[in-house]
């Protein structure tokens, strides 16, 4: 779906709800740029892990 193609979204959200919402915007075609604190999004450190990232982080941050 490309309903939002051409739209750029800067994502300053963290943890779960905000990243999930901006993931949906990316699914609809928006270009999503994620900006994280220096220590990274908290969910990067939530188990279980896939390689070095928490799977919760990976599950709500595609298209970024």
C-alpha atoms as a PDB file:
ATOM      1  CA  UNK A   1       0.000   0.000   0.000  1.00  0.00           C
ATOM      2  CA  UNK A   2       1.447   3.369  -0.989  1.00  0.00           C
ATOM      3  CA  UNK A   3      -1.185   5.766   0.354  1.00  0.00           C
ATOM      4  CA  UNK A   4       1.505   7.776   2.182  1.00  0.00           C
ATOM      5  CA  UNK A   5       4.234   7.556  -0.473  1.00  0.00           C
ATOM      6  CA  UNK A   6       6.251  10.778  -0.529  1.00  0.00           C
ATOM      7  CA  UNK A   7       5.581  11.547   3.142  1.00  0.00           C
ATOM      8  CA  UNK A   8       8.583  11.642   5.493  1.00  0.00           C
ATOM      9  CA  UNK A   9       7.996  10.960   9.201  1.00  0.00           C
ATOM     10  CA  UNK A  10      10.611  11.508  11.906  1.00  0.00           C
ATOM     11  CA  UNK A  11       9.990   9.062  14.748  1.00  0.00           C
ATOM     12  CA  UNK A  12      11.201  10.182  18.196  1.00  0.00           C
ATOM     13  CA  UNK A  13       9.003   7.649  20.007  1.00  0.00           C
ATOM     14  CA  UNK A  14      10.260   4.725  22.043  1.00  0.00           C
ATOM     15  CA  UNK A  15       9.209   1.504  23.758  1.00  0.00           C
ATOM     16  CA  UNK A  16       6.079   0.093  22.086  1.00  0.00           C
ATOM     17  CA  UNK A  17       3.012   2.154  21.145  1.00  0.00           C
ATOM     18  CA  UNK A  18       4.750   4.971  19.255  1.00  0.00           C
ATOM     19  CA  UNK A  19       7.089   2.717  17.252  1.00  0.00           C
ATOM     20  CA  UNK A  20       4.142   0.483  16.350  1.00  0.00           C
ATOM     21  CA  UNK A  21       2.160   3.471  15.040  1.00  0.00           C
ATOM     22  CA  UNK A  22       5.049   4.746  12.926  1.00  0.00           C
ATOM     23  CA  UNK A  23       5.629   1.193  11.653  1.00  0.00           C
ATOM     24  CA  UNK A  24       2.068   1.295  10.292  1.00  0.00           C
ATOM     25  CA  UNK A  25       2.839   4.609   8.584  1.00  0.00           C
ATOM     26  CA  UNK A  26       5.852   2.933   6.958  1.00  0.00           C
ATOM     27  CA  UNK A  27       3.681   0.004   5.912  1.00  0.00           C
ATOM     28  CA  UNK A  28       1.449   2.517   4.120  1.00  0.00           C
ATOM     29  CA  UNK A  29       4.403   3.927   2.171  1.00  0.00           C
ATOM     30  CA  UNK A  30       5.800   6.752   4.330  1.00  0.00           C
ATOM     31  CA  UNK A  31       9.560   7.090   4.737  1.00  0.00           C
ATOM     32  CA  UNK A  32      10.127   6.715   8.494  1.00  0.00           C
ATOM     33  CA  UNK A  33      13.345   7.935  10.102  1.00  0.00           C
ATOM     34  CA  UNK A  34      13.813   6.698  13.677  1.00  0.00           C
ATOM     35  CA  UNK A  35      15.820   8.893  16.049  1.00  0.00           C
ATOM     36  CA  UNK A  36      16.886   7.201  19.293  1.00  0.00           C
ATOM     37  CA  UNK A  37      18.606   8.368  22.470  1.00  0.00           C
ATOM     38  CA  UNK A  38      22.355   7.639  22.638  1.00  0.00           C
ATOM     39  CA  UNK A  39      21.678   4.473  24.655  1.00  0.00           C
ATOM     40  CA  UNK A  40      19.072   3.340  22.112  1.00  0.00           C
ATOM     41  CA  UNK A  41      15.411   2.465  22.467  1.00  0.00           C
ATOM     42  CA  UNK A  42      14.715   0.614  25.736  1.00  0.00           C
ATOM     43  CA  UNK A  43      13.173  -2.326  23.871  1.00  0.00           C
ATOM     44  CA  UNK A  44      16.549  -3.110  22.271  1.00  0.00           C
ATOM     45  CA  UNK A  45      17.487  -4.543  25.687  1.00  0.00           C
ATOM     46  CA  UNK A  46      14.273  -6.517  26.369  1.00  0.00           C
ATOM     47  CA  UNK A  47      14.622 -10.315  26.044  1.00  0.00           C
ATOM     48  CA  UNK A  48      14.279 -12.527  24.128  1.00  0.00           C
ATOM     49  CA  UNK A  49      17.031 -11.482  21.741  1.00  0.00           C
ATOM     50  CA  UNK A  50      17.802 -12.051  18.093  1.00  0.00           C
ATOM     51  CA  UNK A  51      21.491 -11.418  17.708  1.00  0.00           C
ATOM     52  CA  UNK A  52      22.020  -8.164  19.677  1.00  0.00           C
ATOM     53  CA  UNK A  53      18.491  -6.691  19.550  1.00  0.00           C
ATOM     54  CA  UNK A  54      15.384  -7.532  21.526  1.00  0.00           C
ATOM     55  CA  UNK A  55      12.667  -9.162  19.471  1.00  0.00           C
ATOM     56  CA  UNK A  56      10.080  -6.645  20.723  1.00  0.00           C
ATOM     57  CA  UNK A  57      12.208  -3.872  19.200  1.00  0.00           C
ATOM     58  CA  UNK A  58      12.533  -5.778  15.946  1.00  0.00           C
ATOM     59  CA  UNK A  59       8.817  -6.529  15.778  1.00  0.00           C
ATOM     60  CA  UNK A  60       7.702  -2.873  15.910  1.00  0.00           C
ATOM     61  CA  UNK A  61      10.493  -1.087  14.039  1.00  0.00           C
ATOM     62  CA  UNK A  62      10.475  -2.417  10.498  1.00  0.00           C
ATOM     63  CA  UNK A  63      10.429   0.111   7.642  1.00  0.00           C
ATOM     64  CA  UNK A  64      12.737   2.451   9.550  1.00  0.00           C
END
